[in-house]
Amino acid sequence: MLELLKRSLIEAPIIKRGEYYYFIHPISDGVPILNPELVEEISNHISNIADTNIDRILTVEAMGIPIATALSLKTGIPMSIVRKRKYELDGEVKLSQSTGYSKGELYINGIVNGDRVLIVDDVISTGGTLHALVKALNGIGAIICGIIVVIERGNGLYRLAESGIDVTTLVKIDVNEKGVSIMEASGD
């Protein structure tokens, strides 16, 4: 299962910035090219493992958008995007997020008390964005029916679990000077 995803990760270029090795991948970066077969494989897998008795698919700008869009088209469930821009709509909720590489504000629109949501995202590394998002959704009164992230790297999953936040990942990777190694994959 997830053979295209695993192969594409193993073949991903690596760049070093300081002491950190980055993998460059279509799901996390949108480059060099995002093939529809890869997005379809991922959205098929998510639709098979996720609770789809939900009101909304929710993702964070930007690279969760292709996955959430494909899942929305496949299931007929509407999606909302947590944006990096303020719109000042009624009910807009601001959250502050901090990751290993950025800090900033995100804005939730279109989610209300009692909405059943499935969160999908591209990568989890530190868990900072998901932690802030879950806290904000709980404050709204939304019901989180699942959190599914395509690529797991780093200790963010464990940090979230310590906070009582359960996240399902499709592929766990390690990255070093030799490239990407697949540590675990959903369905294997």
N, C-alpha and C. Protein backbone atom coordinates (compact mmCIF):
# COMPACT_ATOMS: atom_id res chain seq x y z
N MET A 1 0.83 -1.19 0.00
CA MET A 1 0.00 0.00 0.00
C MET A 1 0.87 1.25 0.00
N LEU A 2 0.32 2.31 -0.53
CA LEU A 2 0.99 3.60 -0.62
C LEU A 2 2.34 3.50 -1.33
N GLU A 3 2.40 2.66 -2.34
CA GLU A 3 3.67 2.42 -3.05
C GLU A 3 4.18 3.67 -3.76
N LEU A 4 3.30 4.44 -4.39
CA LEU A 4 3.74 5.68 -5.05
C LEU A 4 4.31 6.66 -4.04
N LEU A 5 3.63 6.80 -2.92
CA LEU A 5 4.10 7.72 -1.88
C LEU A 5 5.46 7.28 -1.36
N LYS A 6 5.60 6.02 -1.03
CA LYS A 6 6.88 5.53 -0.49
C LYS A 6 8.00 5.71 -1.51
N ARG A 7 7.77 5.33 -2.74
CA ARG A 7 8.80 5.45 -3.77
C ARG A 7 9.18 6.92 -3.99
N SER A 8 8.18 7.79 -4.03
CA SER A 8 8.46 9.21 -4.25
C SER A 8 9.26 9.82 -3.10
N LEU A 9 9.02 9.35 -1.89
CA LEU A 9 9.80 9.84 -0.75
C LEU A 9 11.24 9.36 -0.81
N ILE A 10 11.44 8.10 -1.13
CA ILE A 10 12.79 7.56 -1.23
C ILE A 10 13.59 8.28 -2.31
N GLU A 11 12.91 8.69 -3.38
CA GLU A 11 13.57 9.38 -4.49
C GLU A 11 13.66 10.90 -4.29
N ALA A 12 13.13 11.41 -3.19
CA ALA A 12 13.10 12.86 -2.97
C ALA A 12 14.51 13.44 -2.81
N PRO A 13 14.76 14.59 -3.44
CA PRO A 13 16.04 15.26 -3.24
C PRO A 13 16.18 15.76 -1.80
N ILE A 14 17.41 15.81 -1.34
CA ILE A 14 17.72 16.28 0.02
C ILE A 14 18.61 17.51 -0.10
N ILE A 15 18.32 18.52 0.70
CA ILE A 15 19.21 19.68 0.80
C ILE A 15 19.54 19.90 2.26
N LYS A 16 20.72 20.40 2.51
CA LYS A 16 21.15 20.66 3.89
C LYS A 16 21.18 22.16 4.13
N ARG A 17 20.52 22.58 5.19
CA ARG A 17 20.55 23.98 5.62
C ARG A 17 21.03 23.97 7.06
N GLY A 18 22.21 24.49 7.26
CA GLY A 18 22.81 24.39 8.60
C GLY A 18 23.09 22.93 8.88
N GLU A 19 22.57 22.44 9.98
CA GLU A 19 22.75 21.04 10.35
C GLU A 19 21.52 20.19 10.04
N TYR A 20 20.52 20.79 9.38
CA TYR A 20 19.24 20.11 9.15
C TYR A 20 19.13 19.67 7.70
N TYR A 21 18.70 18.43 7.51
CA TYR A 21 18.48 17.90 6.17
C TYR A 21 17.00 18.00 5.82
N TYR A 22 16.70 18.70 4.75
CA TYR A 22 15.33 18.86 4.26
C TYR A 22 15.09 17.93 3.08
N PHE A 23 13.91 17.32 3.05
CA PHE A 23 13.52 16.57 1.86
C PHE A 23 12.60 17.46 1.05
N ILE A 24 12.74 17.43 -0.25
CA ILE A 24 11.91 18.22 -1.15
C ILE A 24 10.94 17.25 -1.82
N HIS A 25 9.64 17.46 -1.60
CA HIS A 25 8.67 16.47 -2.05
C HIS A 25 7.39 17.17 -2.52
N PRO A 26 6.73 16.63 -3.54
CA PRO A 26 5.50 17.25 -4.05
C PRO A 26 4.40 17.42 -3.00
N ILE A 27 4.26 16.49 -2.07
CA ILE A 27 3.20 16.60 -1.06
C ILE A 27 3.51 17.69 -0.04
N SER A 28 4.76 17.86 0.32
CA SER A 28 5.12 18.86 1.33
C SER A 28 5.52 20.21 0.74
N ASP A 29 5.94 20.22 -0.53
CA ASP A 29 6.46 21.45 -1.11
C ASP A 29 5.79 21.86 -2.42
N GLY A 30 5.10 20.92 -3.07
CA GLY A 30 4.47 21.23 -4.35
C GLY A 30 5.45 21.24 -5.51
N VAL A 31 6.69 20.84 -5.27
CA VAL A 31 7.70 20.77 -6.32
C VAL A 31 8.41 19.44 -6.23
N PRO A 32 8.98 18.91 -7.26
CA PRO A 32 9.05 19.55 -8.58
C PRO A 32 7.74 19.48 -9.33
N ILE A 33 6.92 18.44 -9.14
CA ILE A 33 5.62 18.33 -9.80
C ILE A 33 4.74 17.42 -8.95
N LEU A 34 3.48 17.82 -8.81
CA LEU A 34 2.53 17.04 -8.02
C LEU A 34 1.67 16.22 -8.97
N ASN A 35 1.96 14.94 -9.07
CA ASN A 35 1.23 14.05 -9.97
C ASN A 35 -0.13 13.68 -9.40
N PRO A 36 -1.17 13.68 -10.23
CA PRO A 36 -2.51 13.33 -9.75
C PRO A 36 -2.59 11.90 -9.21
N GLU A 37 -1.79 10.99 -9.74
CA GLU A 37 -1.83 9.61 -9.25
C GLU A 37 -1.39 9.52 -7.79
N LEU A 38 -0.43 10.34 -7.40
CA LEU A 38 0.04 10.37 -6.02
C LEU A 38 -1.05 10.92 -5.09
N VAL A 39 -1.67 12.02 -5.50
CA VAL A 39 -2.75 12.61 -4.69
C VAL A 39 -3.92 11.63 -4.60
N GLU A 40 -4.23 10.94 -5.69
CA GLU A 40 -5.32 9.97 -5.68
C GLU A 40 -5.01 8.80 -4.75
N GLU A 41 -3.78 8.29 -4.80
CA GLU A 41 -3.41 7.19 -3.90
C GLU A 41 -3.59 7.59 -2.44
N ILE A 42 -3.15 8.78 -2.10
CA ILE A 42 -3.25 9.27 -0.73
C ILE A 42 -4.71 9.49 -0.34
N SER A 43 -5.49 10.15 -1.18
CA SER A 43 -6.89 10.42 -0.85
C SER A 43 -7.70 9.13 -0.78
N ASN A 44 -7.40 8.15 -1.63
CA ASN A 44 -8.07 6.84 -1.53
C ASN A 44 -7.77 6.19 -0.19
N HIS A 45 -6.51 6.22 0.21
CA HIS A 45 -6.13 5.59 1.48
C HIS A 45 -6.82 6.29 2.66
N ILE A 46 -6.81 7.62 2.64
CA ILE A 46 -7.46 8.36 3.73
C ILE A 46 -8.95 8.06 3.77
N SER A 47 -9.60 8.02 2.62
CA SER A 47 -11.05 7.76 2.62
C SER A 47 -11.36 6.35 3.14
N ASN A 48 -10.41 5.43 3.01
CA ASN A 48 -10.61 4.07 3.52
C ASN A 48 -10.41 3.96 5.03
N ILE A 49 -9.62 4.85 5.62
CA ILE A 49 -9.32 4.72 7.05
C ILE A 49 -10.01 5.77 7.92
N ALA A 50 -10.54 6.82 7.31
CA ALA A 50 -11.10 7.94 8.08
C ALA A 50 -12.58 7.76 8.38
N ASP A 51 -13.01 8.38 9.45
CA ASP A 51 -14.43 8.51 9.77
C ASP A 51 -14.98 9.58 8.82
N THR A 52 -15.86 9.20 7.92
CA THR A 52 -16.41 10.17 6.98
C THR A 52 -17.83 10.61 7.37
N ASN A 53 -18.23 10.29 8.59
CA ASN A 53 -19.48 10.80 9.12
C ASN A 53 -19.19 12.17 9.73
N ILE A 54 -18.85 13.10 8.85
CA ILE A 54 -18.39 14.43 9.28
C ILE A 54 -19.10 15.51 8.47
N ASP A 55 -18.99 16.73 8.99
CA ASP A 55 -19.56 17.88 8.30
C ASP A 55 -18.55 18.59 7.41
N ARG A 56 -17.25 18.46 7.77
CA ARG A 56 -16.25 19.24 7.06
C ARG A 56 -14.89 18.58 7.12
N ILE A 57 -14.18 18.67 6.01
CA ILE A 57 -12.76 18.34 5.95
C ILE A 57 -12.04 19.66 6.17
N LEU A 58 -11.06 19.65 7.05
CA LEU A 58 -10.35 20.88 7.41
C LEU A 58 -8.86 20.68 7.17
N THR A 59 -8.23 21.65 6.54
CA THR A 59 -6.79 21.60 6.32
C THR A 59 -6.19 22.97 6.55
N VAL A 60 -4.87 22.98 6.70
CA VAL A 60 -4.14 24.22 6.91
C VAL A 60 -3.44 24.60 5.60
N GLU A 61 -3.53 25.87 5.27
CA GLU A 61 -2.83 26.40 4.11
C GLU A 61 -1.34 26.10 4.23
N ALA A 62 -0.61 25.65 3.28
CA ALA A 62 -0.99 25.56 1.90
C ALA A 62 -0.98 24.12 1.41
N MET A 63 -0.05 23.29 1.83
CA MET A 63 0.14 22.02 1.16
C MET A 63 -0.85 20.93 1.56
N GLY A 64 -1.69 21.18 2.53
CA GLY A 64 -2.79 20.26 2.81
C GLY A 64 -3.93 20.41 1.82
N ILE A 65 -3.93 21.51 1.07
CA ILE A 65 -5.04 21.82 0.17
C ILE A 65 -5.24 20.77 -0.92
N PRO A 66 -4.19 20.31 -1.63
CA PRO A 66 -4.44 19.30 -2.66
C PRO A 66 -5.05 18.01 -2.09
N ILE A 67 -4.59 17.61 -0.94
CA ILE A 67 -5.09 16.38 -0.33
C ILE A 67 -6.55 16.56 0.09
N ALA A 68 -6.84 17.67 0.77
CA ALA A 68 -8.21 17.93 1.22
C ALA A 68 -9.16 18.09 0.04
N THR A 69 -8.70 18.72 -1.03
CA THR A 69 -9.54 18.89 -2.22
C THR A 69 -9.88 17.54 -2.84
N ALA A 70 -8.88 16.69 -3.01
CA ALA A 70 -9.12 15.36 -3.59
C ALA A 70 -10.07 14.56 -2.70
N LEU A 71 -9.88 14.65 -1.40
CA LEU A 71 -10.75 13.93 -0.47
C LEU A 71 -12.17 14.48 -0.51
N SER A 72 -12.31 15.78 -0.61
CA SER A 72 -13.63 16.40 -0.72
C SER A 72 -14.34 15.95 -2.00
N LEU A 73 -13.63 15.94 -3.10
CA LEU A 73 -14.21 15.49 -4.37
C LEU A 73 -14.62 14.02 -4.31
N LYS A 74 -13.81 13.21 -3.67
CA LYS A 74 -14.07 11.77 -3.57
C LYS A 74 -15.27 11.47 -2.67
N THR A 75 -15.43 12.23 -1.57
CA THR A 75 -16.46 11.93 -0.58
C THR A 75 -17.70 12.81 -0.70
N GLY A 76 -17.58 13.94 -1.38
CA GLY A 76 -18.69 14.89 -1.44
C GLY A 76 -18.83 15.72 -0.18
N ILE A 77 -17.84 15.66 0.69
CA ILE A 77 -17.87 16.42 1.95
C ILE A 77 -17.18 17.76 1.73
N PRO A 78 -17.84 18.87 2.11
CA PRO A 78 -17.21 20.19 1.93
C PRO A 78 -15.91 20.31 2.74
N MET A 79 -15.05 21.23 2.30
CA MET A 79 -13.80 21.46 3.02
C MET A 79 -13.65 22.93 3.36
N SER A 80 -12.87 23.16 4.40
CA SER A 80 -12.50 24.52 4.80
C SER A 80 -10.98 24.57 4.94
N ILE A 81 -10.44 25.74 4.68
CA ILE A 81 -8.99 25.93 4.75
C ILE A 81 -8.68 26.92 5.87
N VAL A 82 -7.83 26.51 6.79
CA VAL A 82 -7.32 27.41 7.80
C VAL A 82 -6.26 28.27 7.10
N ARG A 83 -6.50 29.57 7.08
CA ARG A 83 -5.70 30.47 6.26
C ARG A 83 -4.68 31.26 7.08
N LYS A 84 -3.68 31.74 6.40
CA LYS A 84 -2.65 32.57 7.01
C LYS A 84 -3.03 34.05 6.95
N ARG A 85 -4.18 34.33 6.35
CA ARG A 85 -4.65 35.70 6.17
C ARG A 85 -5.93 35.92 6.95
N LYS A 86 -6.05 37.09 7.51
CA LYS A 86 -7.25 37.50 8.24
C LYS A 86 -8.30 38.00 7.25
N TYR A 87 -9.55 37.55 7.42
CA TYR A 87 -10.64 38.00 6.56
C TYR A 87 -11.67 38.85 7.30
N GLU A 88 -11.67 38.77 8.63
CA GLU A 88 -12.58 39.54 9.48
C GLU A 88 -14.04 39.19 9.25
N LEU A 89 -14.30 37.92 8.92
CA LEU A 89 -15.67 37.45 8.80
C LEU A 89 -16.24 37.18 10.18
N ASP A 90 -17.58 37.21 10.30
CA ASP A 90 -18.20 36.87 11.56
C ASP A 90 -17.80 35.45 11.96
N GLY A 91 -17.41 35.28 13.21
CA GLY A 91 -17.05 33.97 13.71
C GLY A 91 -15.61 33.56 13.43
N GLU A 92 -14.83 34.42 12.79
CA GLU A 92 -13.45 34.07 12.50
C GLU A 92 -12.68 33.87 13.81
N VAL A 93 -11.88 32.82 13.86
CA VAL A 93 -11.10 32.52 15.05
C VAL A 93 -9.62 32.58 14.70
N LYS A 94 -8.88 33.36 15.47
CA LYS A 94 -7.43 33.51 15.26
C LYS A 94 -6.71 32.54 16.19
N LEU A 95 -5.67 31.90 15.64
CA LEU A 95 -4.82 31.08 16.49
C LEU A 95 -3.37 31.38 16.19
N SER A 96 -2.54 31.30 17.19
CA SER A 96 -1.10 31.51 17.02
C SER A 96 -0.43 30.16 16.99
N GLN A 97 0.43 29.97 15.99
CA GLN A 97 1.12 28.69 15.86
C GLN A 97 2.61 28.93 15.81
N SER A 98 3.33 27.93 16.30
CA SER A 98 4.78 27.97 16.28
C SER A 98 5.29 26.59 15.90
N THR A 99 6.14 26.55 14.89
CA THR A 99 6.73 25.29 14.46
C THR A 99 8.24 25.40 14.62
N GLY A 100 8.95 24.41 14.14
CA GLY A 100 10.40 24.45 14.21
C GLY A 100 11.00 25.48 13.29
N TYR A 101 10.21 26.00 12.33
CA TYR A 101 10.77 26.92 11.34
C TYR A 101 9.95 28.19 11.16
N SER A 102 8.81 28.34 11.84
CA SER A 102 8.04 29.56 11.66
C SER A 102 7.11 29.81 12.84
N LYS A 103 6.70 31.05 12.94
CA LYS A 103 5.67 31.48 13.90
C LYS A 103 4.72 32.37 13.14
N GLY A 104 3.46 32.37 13.56
CA GLY A 104 2.52 33.25 12.91
C GLY A 104 1.11 32.98 13.35
N GLU A 105 0.20 33.73 12.75
CA GLU A 105 -1.21 33.58 13.04
C GLU A 105 -1.89 32.83 11.90
N LEU A 106 -2.88 32.06 12.28
CA LEU A 106 -3.75 31.38 11.33
C LEU A 106 -5.18 31.74 11.68
N TYR A 107 -6.08 31.62 10.69
CA TYR A 107 -7.46 32.05 10.88
C TYR A 107 -8.42 30.96 10.40
N ILE A 108 -9.35 30.61 11.28
CA ILE A 108 -10.37 29.61 10.98
C ILE A 108 -11.66 30.34 10.65
N ASN A 109 -12.26 29.97 9.54
CA ASN A 109 -13.58 30.49 9.15
C ASN A 109 -14.47 29.32 8.75
N GLY A 110 -15.75 29.47 9.00
CA GLY A 110 -16.71 28.48 8.52
C GLY A 110 -16.88 27.26 9.40
N ILE A 111 -16.26 27.22 10.56
CA ILE A 111 -16.44 26.11 11.50
C ILE A 111 -17.17 26.66 12.72
N VAL A 112 -18.23 25.96 13.13
CA VAL A 112 -19.04 26.44 14.25
C VAL A 112 -19.20 25.33 15.28
N ASN A 113 -19.72 25.71 16.42
CA ASN A 113 -19.98 24.79 17.52
C ASN A 113 -20.79 23.59 17.01
N GLY A 114 -20.30 22.39 17.32
CA GLY A 114 -21.00 21.17 16.94
C GLY A 114 -20.59 20.58 15.60
N ASP A 115 -19.85 21.34 14.78
CA ASP A 115 -19.38 20.79 13.51
C ASP A 115 -18.45 19.60 13.76
N ARG A 116 -18.67 18.53 13.00
CA ARG A 116 -17.81 17.35 13.04
C ARG A 116 -16.78 17.48 11.94
N VAL A 117 -15.49 17.52 12.33
CA VAL A 117 -14.44 17.79 11.36
C VAL A 117 -13.39 16.68 11.32
N LEU A 118 -12.84 16.50 10.13
CA LEU A 118 -11.67 15.66 9.91
C LEU A 118 -10.55 16.59 9.48
N ILE A 119 -9.46 16.60 10.22
CA ILE A 119 -8.30 17.42 9.87
C ILE A 119 -7.36 16.57 9.02
N VAL A 120 -6.94 17.10 7.88
CA VAL A 120 -5.92 16.45 7.06
C VAL A 120 -4.81 17.46 6.80
N ASP A 121 -3.57 16.95 6.79
CA ASP A 121 -2.43 17.83 6.54
C ASP A 121 -1.32 17.04 5.87
N ASP A 122 -0.34 17.76 5.38
CA ASP A 122 0.74 17.13 4.62
C ASP A 122 1.83 16.55 5.50
N VAL A 123 2.36 17.32 6.45
CA VAL A 123 3.52 16.89 7.24
C VAL A 123 3.33 17.29 8.69
N ILE A 124 3.78 16.42 9.58
CA ILE A 124 3.92 16.77 10.98
C ILE A 124 5.38 16.61 11.33
N SER A 125 5.96 17.66 11.91
CA SER A 125 7.33 17.56 12.40
C SER A 125 7.37 17.91 13.88
N THR A 126 7.11 19.16 14.25
CA THR A 126 7.12 19.52 15.67
C THR A 126 5.75 19.36 16.32
N GLY A 127 4.68 19.43 15.52
CA GLY A 127 3.33 19.34 16.06
C GLY A 127 2.75 20.67 16.50
N GLY A 128 3.51 21.75 16.33
CA GLY A 128 3.07 23.06 16.80
C GLY A 128 1.79 23.56 16.15
N THR A 129 1.67 23.41 14.86
CA THR A 129 0.48 23.88 14.16
C THR A 129 -0.74 23.08 14.57
N LEU A 130 -0.63 21.77 14.60
CA LEU A 130 -1.79 20.93 14.97
C LEU A 130 -2.21 21.17 16.41
N HIS A 131 -1.25 21.37 17.30
CA HIS A 131 -1.59 21.62 18.70
C HIS A 131 -2.43 22.89 18.82
N ALA A 132 -2.00 23.96 18.15
CA ALA A 132 -2.75 25.22 18.19
C ALA A 132 -4.12 25.07 17.53
N LEU A 133 -4.18 24.33 16.43
CA LEU A 133 -5.45 24.13 15.73
C LEU A 133 -6.44 23.36 16.57
N VAL A 134 -6.01 22.29 17.20
CA VAL A 134 -6.89 21.49 18.05
C VAL A 134 -7.41 22.34 19.21
N LYS A 135 -6.55 23.11 19.81
CA LYS A 135 -6.97 23.99 20.92
C LYS A 135 -8.04 24.98 20.45
N ALA A 136 -7.82 25.58 19.29
CA ALA A 136 -8.80 26.54 18.75
C ALA A 136 -10.12 25.87 18.41
N LEU A 137 -10.07 24.69 17.80
CA LEU A 137 -11.30 23.97 17.45
C LEU A 137 -12.07 23.56 18.70
N ASN A 138 -11.36 23.14 19.72
CA ASN A 138 -12.02 22.83 20.99
C ASN A 138 -12.69 24.07 21.57
N GLY A 139 -12.04 25.22 21.43
CA GLY A 139 -12.62 26.48 21.90
C GLY A 139 -13.89 26.84 21.15
N ILE A 140 -13.94 26.52 19.87
CA ILE A 140 -15.13 26.77 19.06
C ILE A 140 -16.26 25.82 19.45
N GLY A 141 -15.89 24.63 19.90
CA GLY A 141 -16.88 23.60 20.19
C GLY A 141 -17.05 22.61 19.06
N ALA A 142 -16.09 22.60 18.13
CA ALA A 142 -16.12 21.64 17.03
C ALA A 142 -15.76 20.26 17.58
N ILE A 143 -16.23 19.23 16.90
CA ILE A 143 -15.94 17.85 17.28
C ILE A 143 -14.92 17.31 16.29
N ILE A 144 -13.73 17.00 16.79
CA ILE A 144 -12.67 16.49 15.93
C ILE A 144 -12.84 14.98 15.82
N CYS A 145 -13.19 14.52 14.62
CA CYS A 145 -13.46 13.10 14.40
C CYS A 145 -12.22 12.35 13.93
N GLY A 146 -11.16 13.06 13.69
CA GLY A 146 -9.90 12.44 13.29
C GLY A 146 -8.92 13.47 12.80
N ILE A 147 -7.65 13.10 12.92
CA ILE A 147 -6.57 13.92 12.37
C ILE A 147 -5.67 12.96 11.61
N ILE A 148 -5.52 13.21 10.31
CA ILE A 148 -4.68 12.36 9.47
C ILE A 148 -3.65 13.23 8.76
N VAL A 149 -2.39 12.85 8.93
CA VAL A 149 -1.27 13.55 8.32
C VAL A 149 -0.53 12.57 7.43
N VAL A 150 -0.16 13.02 6.23
CA VAL A 150 0.47 12.13 5.27
C VAL A 150 1.86 11.71 5.72
N ILE A 151 2.73 12.67 6.05
CA ILE A 151 4.14 12.37 6.34
C ILE A 151 4.48 12.78 7.77
N GLU A 152 5.06 11.85 8.50
CA GLU A 152 5.53 12.10 9.87
C GLU A 152 7.05 12.14 9.87
N ARG A 153 7.57 13.22 10.42
CA ARG A 153 9.01 13.35 10.59
C ARG A 153 9.26 14.07 11.90
N GLY A 154 10.16 13.58 12.70
CA GLY A 154 10.46 14.25 13.97
C GLY A 154 9.60 13.72 15.09
N ASN A 155 9.56 14.48 16.19
CA ASN A 155 8.89 14.01 17.41
C ASN A 155 7.54 14.67 17.67
N GLY A 156 6.99 15.36 16.70
CA GLY A 156 5.72 16.06 16.90
C GLY A 156 4.56 15.15 17.27
N LEU A 157 4.51 13.96 16.69
CA LEU A 157 3.43 13.02 17.00
C LEU A 157 3.45 12.65 18.48
N TYR A 158 4.63 12.43 19.00
CA TYR A 158 4.76 12.06 20.41
C TYR A 158 4.41 13.23 21.32
N ARG A 159 4.81 14.43 20.92
CA ARG A 159 4.48 15.63 21.71
C ARG A 159 2.97 15.83 21.76
N LEU A 160 2.28 15.61 20.63
CA LEU A 160 0.83 15.74 20.60
C LEU A 160 0.17 14.65 21.44
N ALA A 161 0.67 13.42 21.36
CA ALA A 161 0.11 12.31 22.14
C ALA A 161 0.22 12.61 23.63
N GLU A 162 1.31 13.23 24.06
CA GLU A 162 1.46 13.62 25.46
C GLU A 162 0.40 14.63 25.88
N SER A 163 -0.13 15.38 24.92
CA SER A 163 -1.20 16.36 25.19
C SER A 163 -2.59 15.75 24.99
N GLY A 164 -2.64 14.45 24.70
CA GLY A 164 -3.92 13.78 24.51
C GLY A 164 -4.50 13.93 23.11
N ILE A 165 -3.67 14.33 22.15
CA ILE A 165 -4.12 14.52 20.77
C ILE A 165 -3.66 13.32 19.95
N ASP A 166 -4.64 12.62 19.37
CA ASP A 166 -4.36 11.41 18.59
C ASP A 166 -4.28 11.77 17.11
N VAL A 167 -3.16 11.42 16.49
CA VAL A 167 -2.93 11.71 15.07
C VAL A 167 -2.57 10.41 14.37
N THR A 168 -3.17 10.17 13.22
CA THR A 168 -2.81 9.04 12.37
C THR A 168 -1.92 9.57 11.26
N THR A 169 -0.80 8.91 11.03
CA THR A 169 0.06 9.29 9.92
C THR A 169 0.13 8.13 8.93
N LEU A 170 0.35 8.49 7.66
CA LEU A 170 0.42 7.47 6.63
C LEU A 170 1.82 6.89 6.47
N VAL A 171 2.84 7.74 6.56
CA VAL A 171 4.21 7.30 6.41
C VAL A 171 5.09 8.04 7.41
N LYS A 172 5.91 7.27 8.14
CA LYS A 172 6.89 7.86 9.04
C LYS A 172 8.25 7.75 8.37
N ILE A 173 8.97 8.89 8.33
CA ILE A 173 10.27 8.91 7.66
C ILE A 173 11.38 9.41 8.57
N ASP A 174 12.60 9.12 8.14
CA ASP A 174 13.79 9.71 8.71
C ASP A 174 14.57 10.28 7.53
N VAL A 175 15.26 11.38 7.77
CA VAL A 175 16.02 12.03 6.71
C VAL A 175 17.43 12.30 7.21
N ASN A 176 18.41 11.90 6.40
CA ASN A 176 19.80 12.22 6.71
C ASN A 176 20.54 12.48 5.40
N GLU A 177 21.86 12.58 5.47
CA GLU A 177 22.64 12.91 4.28
C GLU A 177 22.50 11.89 3.16
N LYS A 178 22.07 10.67 3.49
CA LYS A 178 21.90 9.63 2.49
C LYS A 178 20.53 9.69 1.80
N GLY A 179 19.58 10.41 2.39
CA GLY A 179 18.25 10.52 1.80
C GLY A 179 17.15 10.22 2.78
N VAL A 180 15.99 9.87 2.25
CA VAL A 180 14.81 9.57 3.05
C VAL A 180 14.73 8.06 3.27
N SER A 181 14.46 7.67 4.51
CA SER A 181 14.22 6.27 4.86
C SER A 181 12.78 6.15 5.34
N ILE A 182 12.09 5.13 4.88
CA ILE A 182 10.72 4.85 5.35
C ILE A 182 10.83 4.02 6.61
N MET A 183 10.33 4.53 7.71
CA MET A 183 10.39 3.83 9.00
C MET A 183 9.15 2.96 9.20
N GLU A 184 7.99 3.51 8.84
CA GLU A 184 6.70 2.80 8.94
C GLU A 184 5.78 3.34 7.86
N ALA A 185 4.82 2.51 7.45
CA ALA A 185 3.82 2.96 6.49
C ALA A 185 2.48 2.32 6.83
N SER A 186 1.43 3.10 6.75
CA SER A 186 0.08 2.62 7.02
C SER A 186 -0.28 1.49 6.05
N GLY A 187 -0.83 0.44 6.59
CA GLY A 187 -1.27 -0.67 5.76
C GLY A 187 -0.21 -1.72 5.50
N ASP A 188 1.03 -1.47 5.92
CA ASP A 188 2.10 -2.47 5.72
C ASP A 188 2.12 -3.49 6.86
